[in-house]
Amino acid sequence: MKSVRLLILQITERIIANRTGHQRSKADLDSFFNAQGDLCIFFREVVRSQTREHFVKEKEMEIRYDMTGVDWKDVAQTLKSVGMSYHEPDEHRRAFAASHTTVFAYQAGRMIGFGRALADGVYQAVLYDIAVVPEFQRQGVGTLIVQKILERLPGCNVILYAAAGRERFYEKFGFRRLKTGMAFFTNAQVMTQKGITE
């Protein structure tokens, strides 16, 4: 029985760490297990409690739509850290300034994610630069950013090109793969290496 409990503790710790970025001590988990007495209840309730904490964190995020106070060096560094195309800080400033919609996510005064959309404001739009600081990924930040951008594009067809392996993230918003989509990139070879084009 002890070995089974230890295995459940280890699995639960790993799930919590992967999904929320937080660690709970073995003592805390073991105490909870003893109080519940049942493996299934233990596993379910620990994960639920961590999920509740996770959603509270989302509510604590501040969403801004203007560029006031944005550190464009952080924008460039974030894009670089997640393997996306990045440019000189001032180029990002100019790109965001020319966009139809910009969204920045902050937590405790720190910018932790952002995104933007180009659009005619009538029926066509495209998403760009959706990125979240690595340590804040898988905490709902990217989801909230995309939701806020889409809210400002009512009635528009919206397209994007996702990083290879991230397609399923956008499927939950209703995005579908294009069968006839084409693109002309200034760095065509790089985009092929990244798996974006054939």
C-alpha atoms as a PDB file:
ATOM      1  CA  MET A   1       0.000   0.000   0.000  1.00  0.00           C
ATOM      2  CA  LYS A   2       2.853   2.381   0.864  1.00  0.00           C
ATOM      3  CA  SER A   3       4.482   1.849  -2.508  1.00  0.00           C
ATOM      4  CA  VAL A   4       1.191   2.594  -4.275  1.00  0.00           C
ATOM      5  CA  ARG A   5       0.729   5.735  -2.234  1.00  0.00           C
ATOM      6  CA  LEU A   6       4.282   6.872  -2.958  1.00  0.00           C
ATOM      7  CA  LEU A   7       3.717   6.350  -6.665  1.00  0.00           C
ATOM      8  CA  ILE A   8       0.506   8.399  -6.560  1.00  0.00           C
ATOM      9  CA  LEU A   9       2.340  11.144  -4.651  1.00  0.00           C
ATOM     10  CA  GLN A  10       5.094  11.274  -7.252  1.00  0.00           C
ATOM     11  CA  ILE A  11       2.662  11.301 -10.179  1.00  0.00           C
ATOM     12  CA  THR A  12       0.554  14.024  -8.569  1.00  0.00           C
ATOM     13  CA  GLU A  13       3.583  16.195  -7.826  1.00  0.00           C
ATOM     14  CA  ARG A  14       4.717  15.921 -11.421  1.00  0.00           C
ATOM     15  CA  ILE A  15       1.275  16.773 -12.838  1.00  0.00           C
ATOM     16  CA  ILE A  16       0.976  19.790 -10.545  1.00  0.00           C
ATOM     17  CA  ALA A  17       4.464  21.027 -11.403  1.00  0.00           C
ATOM     18  CA  ASN A  18       3.894  20.631 -15.149  1.00  0.00           C
ATOM     19  CA  ARG A  19       0.476  22.262 -15.205  1.00  0.00           C
ATOM     20  CA  THR A  20       0.889  25.088 -12.708  1.00  0.00           C
ATOM     21  CA  GLY A  21       4.602  25.555 -12.168  1.00  0.00           C
ATOM     22  CA  HIS A  22       4.128  25.046  -8.414  1.00  0.00           C
ATOM     23  CA  GLN A  23       5.436  22.367  -6.115  1.00  0.00           C
ATOM     24  CA  ARG A  24       3.683  20.972  -3.058  1.00  0.00           C
ATOM     25  CA  SER A  25       5.731  19.202  -0.425  1.00  0.00           C
ATOM     26  CA  LYS A  26       5.435  15.456   0.109  1.00  0.00           C
ATOM     27  CA  ALA A  27       4.383  16.178   3.692  1.00  0.00           C
ATOM     28  CA  ASP A  28       1.437  18.286   2.532  1.00  0.00           C
ATOM     29  CA  LEU A  29       0.360  15.687  -0.012  1.00  0.00           C
ATOM     30  CA  ASP A  30       0.823  12.814   2.439  1.00  0.00           C
ATOM     31  CA  SER A  31      -1.225  14.613   5.078  1.00  0.00           C
ATOM     32  CA  PHE A  32      -4.009  15.214   2.579  1.00  0.00           C
ATOM     33  CA  PHE A  33      -3.921  11.560   1.573  1.00  0.00           C
ATOM     34  CA  ASN A  34      -4.271  10.377   5.181  1.00  0.00           C
ATOM     35  CA  ALA A  35      -7.226  12.687   5.708  1.00  0.00           C
ATOM     36  CA  GLN A  36      -9.017  11.401   2.610  1.00  0.00           C
ATOM     37  CA  GLY A  37      -8.147   7.754   3.035  1.00  0.00           C
ATOM     38  CA  ASP A  38      -9.057   6.853  -0.519  1.00  0.00           C
ATOM     39  CA  LEU A  39      -6.582   6.915  -3.409  1.00  0.00           C
ATOM     40  CA  CYS A  40      -9.080   8.083  -5.999  1.00  0.00           C
ATOM     41  CA  ILE A  41     -10.464  10.849  -3.803  1.00  0.00           C
ATOM     42  CA  PHE A  42      -6.939  11.925  -2.898  1.00  0.00           C
ATOM     43  CA  PHE A  43      -5.791  12.140  -6.486  1.00  0.00           C
ATOM     44  CA  ARG A  44      -8.918  13.965  -7.647  1.00  0.00           C
ATOM     45  CA  GLU A  45      -9.029  16.506  -4.828  1.00  0.00           C
ATOM     46  CA  VAL A  46      -5.342  17.428  -4.946  1.00  0.00           C
ATOM     47  CA  VAL A  47      -5.509  18.105  -8.671  1.00  0.00           C
ATOM     48  CA  ARG A  48      -8.752  20.053  -8.230  1.00  0.00           C
ATOM     49  CA  SER A  49      -7.276  22.186  -5.455  1.00  0.00           C
ATOM     50  CA  GLN A  50      -4.278  23.042  -7.609  1.00  0.00           C
ATOM     51  CA  THR A  51      -6.544  23.831 -10.559  1.00  0.00           C
ATOM     52  CA  ARG A  52      -8.503  26.261  -8.408  1.00  0.00           C
ATOM     53  CA  GLU A  53      -5.261  28.037  -7.455  1.00  0.00           C
ATOM     54  CA  HIS A  54      -4.360  28.123 -11.143  1.00  0.00           C
ATOM     55  CA  PHE A  55      -7.570  29.920 -12.112  1.00  0.00           C
ATOM     56  CA  VAL A  56      -7.226  32.421  -9.292  1.00  0.00           C
ATOM     57  CA  LYS A  57      -3.871  33.385 -10.775  1.00  0.00           C
ATOM     58  CA  GLU A  58      -5.490  34.034 -14.139  1.00  0.00           C
ATOM     59  CA  LYS A  59      -7.929  36.428 -12.495  1.00  0.00           C
ATOM     60  CA  GLU A  60      -5.034  38.330 -10.966  1.00  0.00           C
ATOM     61  CA  MET A  61      -3.614  39.135 -14.391  1.00  0.00           C
ATOM     62  CA  GLU A  62      -3.991  42.643 -15.738  1.00  0.00           C
ATOM     63  CA  ILE A  63      -4.800  43.040 -19.425  1.00  0.00           C
ATOM     64  CA  ARG A  64      -3.759  46.240 -21.179  1.00  0.00           C
ATOM     65  CA  TYR A  65      -4.599  47.293 -24.720  1.00  0.00           C
ATOM     66  CA  ASP A  66      -2.260  50.255 -25.061  1.00  0.00           C
ATOM     67  CA  MET A  67       1.526  50.305 -25.345  1.00  0.00           C
ATOM     68  CA  THR A  68       2.206  52.731 -22.512  1.00  0.00           C
ATOM     69  CA  GLY A  69       5.209  51.628 -20.502  1.00  0.00           C
ATOM     70  CA  VAL A  70       6.045  48.604 -22.663  1.00  0.00           C
ATOM     71  CA  ASP A  71       9.708  47.618 -22.563  1.00  0.00           C
ATOM     72  CA  TRP A  72      10.365  46.622 -26.154  1.00  0.00           C
ATOM     73  CA  LYS A  73      13.596  44.916 -25.188  1.00  0.00           C
ATOM     74  CA  ASP A  74      11.452  42.517 -23.147  1.00  0.00           C
ATOM     75  CA  VAL A  75       9.223  41.939 -26.171  1.00  0.00           C
ATOM     76  CA  ALA A  76      12.200  41.019 -28.338  1.00  0.00           C
ATOM     77  CA  GLN A  77      13.704  38.835 -25.608  1.00  0.00           C
ATOM     78  CA  THR A  78      10.423  36.997 -25.006  1.00  0.00           C
ATOM     79  CA  LEU A  79       9.999  36.216 -28.696  1.00  0.00           C
ATOM     80  CA  LYS A  80      13.590  35.004 -28.842  1.00  0.00           C
ATOM     81  CA  SER A  81      13.189  32.848 -25.729  1.00  0.00           C
ATOM     82  CA  VAL A  82      10.190  30.996 -27.204  1.00  0.00           C
ATOM     83  CA  GLY A  83      11.843  30.406 -30.578  1.00  0.00           C
ATOM     84  CA  MET A  84       9.823  32.954 -32.553  1.00  0.00           C
ATOM     85  CA  SER A  85      11.072  35.546 -35.009  1.00  0.00           C
ATOM     86  CA  TYR A  86      12.363  38.665 -33.291  1.00  0.00           C
ATOM     87  CA  HIS A  87      13.802  42.004 -34.366  1.00  0.00           C
ATOM     88  CA  GLU A  88      15.329  45.124 -32.888  1.00  0.00           C
ATOM     89  CA  PRO A  89      13.189  46.514 -30.035  1.00  0.00           C
ATOM     90  CA  ASP A  90      12.177  49.640 -31.942  1.00  0.00           C
ATOM     91  CA  GLU A  91      11.009  47.548 -34.891  1.00  0.00           C
ATOM     92  CA  HIS A  92       8.640  45.708 -32.566  1.00  0.00           C
ATOM     93  CA  ARG A  93       7.391  49.031 -31.235  1.00  0.00           C
ATOM     94  CA  ARG A  94       6.632  50.211 -34.761  1.00  0.00           C
ATOM     95  CA  ALA A  95       4.929  46.926 -35.663  1.00  0.00           C
ATOM     96  CA  PHE A  96       2.675  46.994 -32.614  1.00  0.00           C
ATOM     97  CA  ALA A  97       1.906  50.683 -33.165  1.00  0.00           C
ATOM     98  CA  ALA A  98       0.734  49.889 -36.696  1.00  0.00           C
ATOM     99  CA  SER A  99      -1.537  47.061 -35.516  1.00  0.00           C
ATOM    100  CA  HIS A 100      -5.318  47.099 -35.226  1.00  0.00           C
ATOM    101  CA  THR A 101      -5.313  45.426 -31.799  1.00  0.00           C
ATOM    102  CA  THR A 102      -2.583  44.978 -29.211  1.00  0.00           C
ATOM    103  CA  VAL A 103      -2.878  43.034 -25.969  1.00  0.00           C
ATOM    104  CA  PHE A 104      -0.379  42.863 -23.107  1.00  0.00           C
ATOM    105  CA  ALA A 105      -0.722  40.650 -20.029  1.00  0.00           C
ATOM    106  CA  TYR A 106       0.819  41.759 -16.747  1.00  0.00           C
ATOM    107  CA  GLN A 107       1.162  40.121 -13.366  1.00  0.00           C
ATOM    108  CA  ALA A 108       2.378  42.130 -10.384  1.00  0.00           C
ATOM    109  CA  GLY A 109       3.515  44.861 -12.784  1.00  0.00           C
ATOM    110  CA  ARG A 110       5.585  42.542 -14.948  1.00  0.00           C
ATOM    111  CA  MET A 111       4.731  41.960 -18.596  1.00  0.00           C
ATOM    112  CA  ILE A 112       4.325  38.192 -19.013  1.00  0.00           C
ATOM    113  CA  GLY A 113       2.767  37.909 -22.465  1.00  0.00           C
ATOM    114  CA  PHE A 114       1.443  39.781 -25.462  1.00  0.00           C
ATOM    115  CA  GLY A 115      -0.080  39.520 -28.922  1.00  0.00           C
ATOM    116  CA  ARG A 116      -1.390  41.655 -31.755  1.00  0.00           C
ATOM    117  CA  ALA A 117      -3.639  41.604 -34.795  1.00  0.00           C
ATOM    118  CA  LEU A 118      -3.578  43.327 -38.146  1.00  0.00           C
ATOM    119  CA  ALA A 119      -7.092  43.906 -39.475  1.00  0.00           C
ATOM    120  CA  ASP A 120      -9.282  46.021 -41.695  1.00  0.00           C
ATOM    121  CA  GLY A 121     -11.828  46.111 -38.888  1.00  0.00           C
ATOM    122  CA  VAL A 122     -14.541  44.828 -41.185  1.00  0.00           C
ATOM    123  CA  TYR A 123     -14.029  41.231 -42.311  1.00  0.00           C
ATOM    124  CA  GLN A 124     -10.326  40.228 -42.420  1.00  0.00           C
ATOM    125  CA  ALA A 125      -7.670  39.909 -39.731  1.00  0.00           C
ATOM    126  CA  VAL A 126      -4.455  38.075 -38.954  1.00  0.00           C
ATOM    127  CA  LEU A 127      -2.788  37.316 -35.615  1.00  0.00           C
ATOM    128  CA  TYR A 128       0.905  37.860 -34.940  1.00  0.00           C
ATOM    129  CA  ASP A 129       3.445  37.687 -32.121  1.00  0.00           C
ATOM    130  CA  ILE A 130       1.379  35.688 -29.636  1.00  0.00           C
ATOM    131  CA  ALA A 131       3.974  34.918 -26.972  1.00  0.00           C
ATOM    132  CA  VAL A 132       4.198  34.190 -23.252  1.00  0.00           C
ATOM    133  CA  VAL A 133       7.285  34.365 -21.043  1.00  0.00           C
ATOM    134  CA  PRO A 134       8.407  30.716 -20.598  1.00  0.00           C
ATOM    135  CA  GLU A 135       7.945  30.560 -16.829  1.00  0.00           C
ATOM    136  CA  PHE A 136       4.321  31.690 -17.215  1.00  0.00           C
ATOM    137  CA  GLN A 137       3.348  29.266 -19.962  1.00  0.00           C
ATOM    138  CA  ARG A 138       0.622  26.655 -19.386  1.00  0.00           C
ATOM    139  CA  GLN A 139      -1.107  28.955 -16.908  1.00  0.00           C
ATOM    140  CA  GLY A 140      -3.821  30.320 -19.179  1.00  0.00           C
ATOM    141  CA  VAL A 141      -1.958  33.474 -20.173  1.00  0.00           C
ATOM    142  CA  GLY A 142      -1.808  32.714 -23.896  1.00  0.00           C
ATOM    143  CA  THR A 143      -5.439  31.644 -23.919  1.00  0.00           C
ATOM    144  CA  LEU A 144      -6.530  34.904 -22.327  1.00  0.00           C
ATOM    145  CA  ILE A 145      -4.457  36.973 -24.763  1.00  0.00           C
ATOM    146  CA  VAL A 146      -5.982  35.272 -27.802  1.00  0.00           C
ATOM    147  CA  GLN A 147      -9.489  35.587 -26.358  1.00  0.00           C
ATOM    148  CA  LYS A 148      -9.058  39.310 -25.773  1.00  0.00           C
ATOM    149  CA  ILE A 149      -7.741  39.865 -29.294  1.00  0.00           C
ATOM    150  CA  LEU A 150     -10.613  37.918 -30.873  1.00  0.00           C
ATOM    151  CA  GLU A 151     -13.136  39.895 -28.840  1.00  0.00           C
ATOM    152  CA  ARG A 152     -11.961  42.996 -30.698  1.00  0.00           C
ATOM    153  CA  LEU A 153     -12.360  41.395 -34.126  1.00  0.00           C
ATOM    154  CA  PRO A 154     -16.105  40.678 -34.320  1.00  0.00           C
ATOM    155  CA  GLY A 155     -17.277  39.529 -37.732  1.00  0.00           C
ATOM    156  CA  CYS A 156     -13.745  39.058 -39.047  1.00  0.00           C
ATOM    157  CA  ASN A 157     -12.219  36.013 -40.675  1.00  0.00           C
ATOM    158  CA  VAL A 158      -8.986  35.479 -38.738  1.00  0.00           C
ATOM    159  CA  ILE A 159      -5.891  33.676 -39.978  1.00  0.00           C
ATOM    160  CA  LEU A 160      -2.476  32.941 -38.459  1.00  0.00           C
ATOM    161  CA  TYR A 161       0.488  30.666 -38.834  1.00  0.00           C
ATOM    162  CA  ALA A 162       1.317  28.742 -35.688  1.00  0.00           C
ATOM    163  CA  ALA A 163       4.702  27.529 -34.557  1.00  0.00           C
ATOM    164  CA  ALA A 164       5.155  23.859 -35.448  1.00  0.00           C
ATOM    165  CA  GLY A 165       3.548  21.742 -32.756  1.00  0.00           C
ATOM    166  CA  ARG A 166       1.330  24.542 -31.444  1.00  0.00           C
ATOM    167  CA  GLU A 167      -1.536  24.073 -33.878  1.00  0.00           C
ATOM    168  CA  ARG A 168      -3.777  22.355 -31.342  1.00  0.00           C
ATOM    169  CA  PHE A 169      -3.591  25.346 -29.015  1.00  0.00           C
ATOM    170  CA  TYR A 170      -5.473  27.404 -31.611  1.00  0.00           C
ATOM    171  CA  GLU A 171      -7.972  24.685 -32.458  1.00  0.00           C
ATOM    172  CA  LYS A 172      -9.796  25.296 -29.176  1.00  0.00           C
ATOM    173  CA  PHE A 173     -10.693  28.774 -30.444  1.00  0.00           C
ATOM    174  CA  GLY A 174     -12.185  27.333 -33.627  1.00  0.00           C
ATOM    175  CA  PHE A 175      -9.168  27.701 -35.914  1.00  0.00           C
ATOM    176  CA  ARG A 176      -8.798  25.050 -38.635  1.00  0.00           C
ATOM    177  CA  ARG A 177      -5.906  24.142 -40.892  1.00  0.00           C
ATOM    178  CA  LEU A 178      -5.875  25.811 -44.306  1.00  0.00           C
ATOM    179  CA  LYS A 179      -5.684  23.544 -47.345  1.00  0.00           C
ATOM    180  CA  THR A 180      -4.766  26.277 -49.816  1.00  0.00           C
ATOM    181  CA  GLY A 181      -2.902  28.754 -47.631  1.00  0.00           C
ATOM    182  CA  MET A 182       0.267  30.247 -49.073  1.00  0.00           C
ATOM    183  CA  ALA A 183       2.836  32.749 -47.859  1.00  0.00           C
ATOM    184  CA  PHE A 184       5.759  34.779 -49.138  1.00  0.00           C
ATOM    185  CA  PHE A 185       8.438  35.131 -46.450  1.00  0.00           C
ATOM    186  CA  THR A 186      11.549  37.294 -46.572  1.00  0.00           C
ATOM    187  CA  ASN A 187      13.381  34.468 -44.762  1.00  0.00           C
ATOM    188  CA  ALA A 188      11.877  31.586 -46.713  1.00  0.00           C
ATOM    189  CA  GLN A 189      14.582  29.068 -45.830  1.00  0.00           C
ATOM    190  CA  VAL A 190      14.271  29.758 -42.112  1.00  0.00           C
ATOM    191  CA  MET A 191      10.502  29.292 -42.204  1.00  0.00           C
ATOM    192  CA  THR A 192      10.941  25.970 -43.967  1.00  0.00           C
ATOM    193  CA  GLN A 193      13.434  24.867 -41.325  1.00  0.00           C
ATOM    194  CA  LYS A 194      10.914  25.790 -38.632  1.00  0.00           C
ATOM    195  CA  GLY A 195       8.287  23.624 -40.328  1.00  0.00           C
ATOM    196  CA  ILE A 196       6.044  26.545 -41.283  1.00  0.00           C
ATOM    197  CA  THR A 197       6.311  26.043 -45.063  1.00  0.00           C
ATOM    198  CA  GLU A 198       7.073  23.185 -47.405  1.00  0.00           C
END
